N, C-alpha and C. Protein backbone atom coordinates (compact mmCIF):
# COMPACT_ATOMS: atom_id res chain seq x y z
N MET A 1 0.83 -1.19 0.03
CA MET A 1 0.03 0.04 -0.02
C MET A 1 0.87 1.23 0.00
N LYS A 2 1.97 1.19 0.73
CA LYS A 2 2.92 2.33 0.81
C LYS A 2 3.48 2.64 -0.61
N TYR A 3 3.78 1.57 -1.36
CA TYR A 3 4.37 1.79 -2.73
C TYR A 3 3.33 2.45 -3.69
N LEU A 4 2.07 2.06 -3.52
CA LEU A 4 0.99 2.68 -4.43
C LEU A 4 0.89 4.18 -4.05
N LEU A 5 0.92 4.49 -2.83
CA LEU A 5 0.89 5.93 -2.44
C LEU A 5 2.06 6.66 -2.94
N ILE A 6 3.20 6.09 -2.91
CA ILE A 6 4.42 6.82 -3.44
C ILE A 6 4.32 6.94 -4.91
N LEU A 7 3.89 5.92 -5.61
CA LEU A 7 3.68 5.93 -7.04
C LEU A 7 2.64 7.09 -7.45
N ALA A 8 1.57 7.16 -6.73
CA ALA A 8 0.55 8.15 -6.99
C ALA A 8 1.06 9.54 -6.77
N VAL A 9 1.80 9.75 -5.69
CA VAL A 9 2.47 11.06 -5.48
C VAL A 9 3.45 11.42 -6.54
N ALA A 10 4.23 10.45 -6.97
CA ALA A 10 5.22 10.67 -8.03
C ALA A 10 4.54 11.07 -9.35
N CYS A 11 3.41 10.39 -9.62
CA CYS A 11 2.66 10.73 -10.86
C CYS A 11 2.09 12.16 -10.75
N ILE A 12 1.54 12.50 -9.64
CA ILE A 12 1.01 13.84 -9.53
C ILE A 12 2.08 14.87 -9.55
N PHE A 13 3.18 14.60 -8.94
CA PHE A 13 4.37 15.53 -9.00
C PHE A 13 4.83 15.72 -10.44
N CYS A 14 4.88 14.68 -11.23
CA CYS A 14 5.23 14.70 -12.60
C CYS A 14 4.35 15.53 -13.41
N ARG A 15 3.07 15.34 -13.17
CA ARG A 15 2.02 16.17 -13.89
C ARG A 15 2.17 17.64 -13.56
N TRP A 16 2.48 17.89 -12.27
CA TRP A 16 2.56 19.29 -11.89
C TRP A 16 3.87 19.90 -12.36
N ALA A 17 4.94 19.23 -12.34
CA ALA A 17 6.31 19.77 -12.74
C ALA A 17 6.45 19.85 -14.15
N ILE A 18 6.06 18.86 -14.92
CA ILE A 18 6.33 18.76 -16.35
C ILE A 18 5.14 19.11 -17.22
N GLY A 19 3.93 18.90 -16.59
CA GLY A 19 2.72 19.20 -17.34
C GLY A 19 2.15 17.98 -18.04
N LYS A 20 2.81 16.84 -17.87
CA LYS A 20 2.35 15.59 -18.51
C LYS A 20 2.36 14.45 -17.54
N TRP A 21 1.44 13.55 -17.75
CA TRP A 21 1.48 12.33 -16.94
C TRP A 21 2.68 11.52 -17.32
N PRO A 22 3.20 10.63 -16.45
CA PRO A 22 4.43 9.83 -16.72
C PRO A 22 4.16 8.95 -17.95
N TRP A 23 3.02 8.40 -18.13
CA TRP A 23 2.81 7.50 -19.24
C TRP A 23 2.69 8.26 -20.57
N GLU A 24 2.44 9.55 -20.52
CA GLU A 24 2.43 10.39 -21.73
C GLU A 24 3.85 10.58 -22.28
N LEU A 25 4.81 10.49 -21.36
CA LEU A 25 6.24 10.73 -21.72
C LEU A 25 6.73 9.49 -22.50
N LEU A 26 6.11 8.36 -22.36
CA LEU A 26 6.51 7.15 -23.04
C LEU A 26 6.11 7.01 -24.44
N ARG A 27 5.10 7.84 -24.83
CA ARG A 27 4.62 7.86 -26.21
C ARG A 27 5.56 8.63 -27.10
N SER A 28 5.76 8.15 -28.30
CA SER A 28 6.62 8.78 -29.22
C SER A 28 5.85 10.05 -29.86
N ALA A 29 6.60 11.00 -30.18
CA ALA A 29 6.01 12.24 -30.71
C ALA A 29 5.59 11.90 -32.23
N PRO A 30 4.49 12.48 -32.65
CA PRO A 30 4.07 12.23 -34.01
C PRO A 30 5.04 12.74 -35.04
N THR A 31 5.24 11.98 -36.11
CA THR A 31 6.25 12.42 -37.12
C THR A 31 5.52 13.35 -38.16
N ARG A 32 6.27 13.96 -38.91
CA ARG A 32 5.65 14.89 -39.95
C ARG A 32 4.83 14.14 -40.88
N SER A 33 5.16 12.90 -41.23
CA SER A 33 4.41 12.11 -42.19
C SER A 33 3.10 11.72 -41.59
N GLN A 34 3.02 11.51 -40.27
CA GLN A 34 1.79 11.20 -39.60
C GLN A 34 0.89 12.50 -39.58
N ALA A 35 1.45 13.62 -39.38
CA ALA A 35 0.75 14.85 -39.38
C ALA A 35 0.12 15.17 -40.71
N VAL A 36 0.96 14.93 -41.73
CA VAL A 36 0.45 15.15 -43.07
C VAL A 36 -0.67 14.19 -43.46
N PHE A 37 -0.58 12.90 -43.04
CA PHE A 37 -1.57 11.96 -43.29
C PHE A 37 -2.96 12.41 -42.57
N ARG A 38 -2.82 12.89 -41.31
CA ARG A 38 -4.04 13.36 -40.64
C ARG A 38 -4.63 14.60 -41.23
N ALA A 39 -3.76 15.48 -41.77
CA ALA A 39 -4.24 16.70 -42.41
C ALA A 39 -4.99 16.34 -43.70
N ARG A 40 -4.42 15.39 -44.51
CA ARG A 40 -5.06 14.99 -45.69
C ARG A 40 -6.47 14.35 -45.42
N LYS A 41 -6.49 13.53 -44.37
CA LYS A 41 -7.71 12.92 -43.94
C LYS A 41 -8.75 13.95 -43.54
N LEU A 42 -8.32 14.96 -42.76
CA LEU A 42 -9.22 16.02 -42.27
C LEU A 42 -9.84 16.78 -43.44
N LEU A 43 -8.98 17.16 -44.40
CA LEU A 43 -9.44 17.92 -45.49
C LEU A 43 -10.08 17.06 -46.67
N GLY A 44 -9.86 15.77 -46.62
CA GLY A 44 -10.44 14.86 -47.56
C GLY A 44 -9.76 14.98 -48.94
N VAL A 45 -8.44 15.08 -48.91
CA VAL A 45 -7.70 15.17 -50.22
C VAL A 45 -6.76 14.02 -50.35
N GLU A 46 -6.43 13.66 -51.62
CA GLU A 46 -5.50 12.62 -51.85
C GLU A 46 -4.12 13.06 -51.70
N ALA A 47 -3.17 12.07 -51.77
CA ALA A 47 -1.77 12.38 -51.60
C ALA A 47 -1.17 13.29 -52.69
N GLY A 48 -1.65 13.20 -53.86
CA GLY A 48 -1.18 14.05 -54.95
C GLY A 48 -1.94 15.33 -55.17
N ALA A 49 -2.64 15.77 -54.18
CA ALA A 49 -3.54 16.97 -54.39
C ALA A 49 -2.63 18.22 -54.55
N GLY A 50 -3.06 19.11 -55.48
CA GLY A 50 -2.45 20.29 -55.73
C GLY A 50 -2.88 21.44 -54.91
N ARG A 51 -2.29 22.59 -55.09
CA ARG A 51 -2.58 23.78 -54.31
C ARG A 51 -4.12 24.13 -54.39
N GLU A 52 -4.60 24.16 -55.54
CA GLU A 52 -6.03 24.58 -55.78
C GLU A 52 -6.96 23.55 -55.04
N GLU A 53 -6.68 22.35 -55.12
CA GLU A 53 -7.53 21.32 -54.60
C GLU A 53 -7.53 21.39 -52.98
N ILE A 54 -6.36 21.66 -52.46
CA ILE A 54 -6.21 21.78 -51.03
C ILE A 54 -7.00 23.05 -50.53
N ILE A 55 -6.84 24.14 -51.26
CA ILE A 55 -7.53 25.35 -50.89
C ILE A 55 -9.12 25.19 -51.00
N ALA A 56 -9.50 24.46 -52.04
CA ALA A 56 -10.97 24.22 -52.17
C ALA A 56 -11.48 23.34 -51.07
N ALA A 57 -10.72 22.30 -50.72
CA ALA A 57 -11.11 21.38 -49.62
C ALA A 57 -11.22 22.09 -48.27
N HIS A 58 -10.22 23.05 -48.12
CA HIS A 58 -10.22 23.92 -46.88
C HIS A 58 -11.46 24.78 -46.85
N ARG A 59 -11.77 25.35 -47.94
CA ARG A 59 -12.94 26.21 -47.98
C ARG A 59 -14.25 25.49 -47.65
N ARG A 60 -14.41 24.22 -48.24
CA ARG A 60 -15.56 23.44 -47.92
C ARG A 60 -15.62 23.07 -46.42
N LEU A 61 -14.44 22.74 -45.90
CA LEU A 61 -14.44 22.37 -44.46
C LEU A 61 -14.75 23.54 -43.58
N THR A 62 -14.20 24.76 -43.91
CA THR A 62 -14.45 25.89 -43.04
C THR A 62 -15.87 26.38 -43.04
N THR A 63 -16.61 26.07 -44.15
CA THR A 63 -18.01 26.49 -44.15
C THR A 63 -18.83 25.63 -43.11
N LEU A 64 -18.27 24.48 -42.76
CA LEU A 64 -18.90 23.65 -41.82
C LEU A 64 -18.49 23.89 -40.34
N VAL A 65 -17.24 24.24 -40.12
CA VAL A 65 -16.66 24.34 -38.81
C VAL A 65 -16.41 25.74 -38.34
N HIS A 66 -16.74 26.73 -39.09
CA HIS A 66 -16.48 28.13 -38.76
C HIS A 66 -17.34 28.47 -37.52
N PRO A 67 -16.77 29.22 -36.59
CA PRO A 67 -17.55 29.66 -35.38
C PRO A 67 -18.81 30.43 -35.64
N ASP A 68 -18.86 31.16 -36.70
CA ASP A 68 -20.02 31.92 -37.14
C ASP A 68 -21.11 31.01 -37.65
N LYS A 69 -20.74 29.77 -38.08
CA LYS A 69 -21.72 28.86 -38.58
C LYS A 69 -22.05 27.74 -37.62
N GLY A 70 -21.67 28.01 -36.32
CA GLY A 70 -22.01 26.95 -35.28
C GLY A 70 -20.90 25.99 -35.01
N GLY A 71 -19.70 26.22 -35.59
CA GLY A 71 -18.51 25.39 -35.31
C GLY A 71 -17.77 26.00 -34.15
N THR A 72 -16.58 25.41 -33.89
CA THR A 72 -15.73 25.88 -32.83
C THR A 72 -14.43 26.54 -33.33
N THR A 73 -13.91 27.29 -32.49
CA THR A 73 -12.59 27.90 -32.71
C THR A 73 -11.54 26.89 -32.94
N ALA A 74 -11.63 25.85 -32.12
CA ALA A 74 -10.54 24.79 -32.14
C ALA A 74 -10.65 23.99 -33.49
N ALA A 75 -11.81 23.76 -33.95
CA ALA A 75 -12.03 23.10 -35.27
C ALA A 75 -11.48 23.95 -36.40
N MET A 76 -11.75 25.23 -36.30
CA MET A 76 -11.24 26.16 -37.31
C MET A 76 -9.76 26.23 -37.31
N GLN A 77 -9.11 26.25 -36.15
CA GLN A 77 -7.64 26.29 -36.07
C GLN A 77 -7.07 25.07 -36.57
N GLU A 78 -7.77 23.89 -36.37
CA GLU A 78 -7.29 22.60 -36.88
C GLU A 78 -7.38 22.57 -38.40
N ALA A 79 -8.46 23.12 -38.97
CA ALA A 79 -8.55 23.15 -40.39
C ALA A 79 -7.45 24.03 -41.00
N ASN A 80 -7.23 25.20 -40.39
CA ASN A 80 -6.15 26.11 -40.94
C ASN A 80 -4.82 25.42 -40.76
N ALA A 81 -4.56 24.78 -39.69
CA ALA A 81 -3.25 24.11 -39.53
C ALA A 81 -3.01 23.02 -40.56
N ALA A 82 -4.12 22.23 -40.81
CA ALA A 82 -4.07 21.19 -41.87
C ALA A 82 -3.73 21.80 -43.23
N ARG A 83 -4.46 22.90 -43.58
CA ARG A 83 -4.26 23.52 -44.83
C ARG A 83 -2.80 24.07 -44.99
N ASP A 84 -2.31 24.63 -43.92
CA ASP A 84 -0.93 25.24 -43.94
C ASP A 84 0.12 24.14 -44.03
N LEU A 85 -0.10 23.02 -43.40
CA LEU A 85 0.82 21.91 -43.41
C LEU A 85 0.91 21.34 -44.80
N LEU A 86 -0.27 21.09 -45.42
CA LEU A 86 -0.24 20.48 -46.69
C LEU A 86 0.27 21.47 -47.79
N LEU A 87 0.04 22.77 -47.67
CA LEU A 87 0.56 23.72 -48.64
C LEU A 87 2.11 23.86 -48.44
N ASP A 88 2.55 23.70 -47.22
CA ASP A 88 4.02 23.77 -47.01
C ASP A 88 4.65 22.52 -47.53
N ASP A 89 3.92 21.38 -47.57
CA ASP A 89 4.48 20.10 -48.05
C ASP A 89 4.58 20.04 -49.55
N LEU A 90 3.94 20.99 -50.27
CA LEU A 90 3.99 20.93 -51.77
C LEU A 90 5.43 21.35 -52.23
N PRO A 91 5.82 20.84 -53.39
CA PRO A 91 7.15 21.33 -53.92
C PRO A 91 6.95 22.78 -54.42
N HIS A 92 8.05 23.47 -54.15
CA HIS A 92 8.01 24.97 -54.51
C HIS A 92 8.65 25.05 -55.89
N PRO A 93 8.18 26.05 -56.73
CA PRO A 93 8.76 26.19 -58.09
C PRO A 93 10.26 26.39 -58.06
N SER A 94 10.84 27.08 -57.04
CA SER A 94 12.18 27.29 -57.08
C SER A 94 13.00 26.04 -56.75
N ASP A 95 12.37 24.94 -56.28
CA ASP A 95 13.11 23.74 -56.04
C ASP A 95 13.60 23.00 -57.32
N GLY A 96 12.90 23.37 -58.43
CA GLY A 96 13.26 22.69 -59.63
C GLY A 96 12.57 21.36 -59.79
N SER A 97 11.68 21.01 -58.86
CA SER A 97 11.04 19.76 -58.86
C SER A 97 9.70 19.81 -59.72
N LEU A 98 9.28 20.91 -60.03
CA LEU A 98 8.10 21.09 -60.93
C LEU A 98 8.59 21.14 -62.39
N PRO A 99 7.69 20.71 -63.30
CA PRO A 99 8.07 20.78 -64.74
C PRO A 99 8.13 22.18 -65.23
């Protein structure tokens, strides 16, 4: 019983000091490819989507989740972050990777 109490106090101290529970520290941080996958899934675009398709998908989503239309600020921020991530992931013309 003494060990359980010590363990509980240590968990609470970790949460207070670091801001995370001890078991949250064991999880690996999401990689960029996982974030890009989630952004594509949120916006509903395929892997080869271009700039115009990403922007159109973002507009469709924001009409549903905008706070003025009954959505939440968090959902709007998530939609904007997904758009920005996917647009940043596109090849830039100065890279020489576009025809």
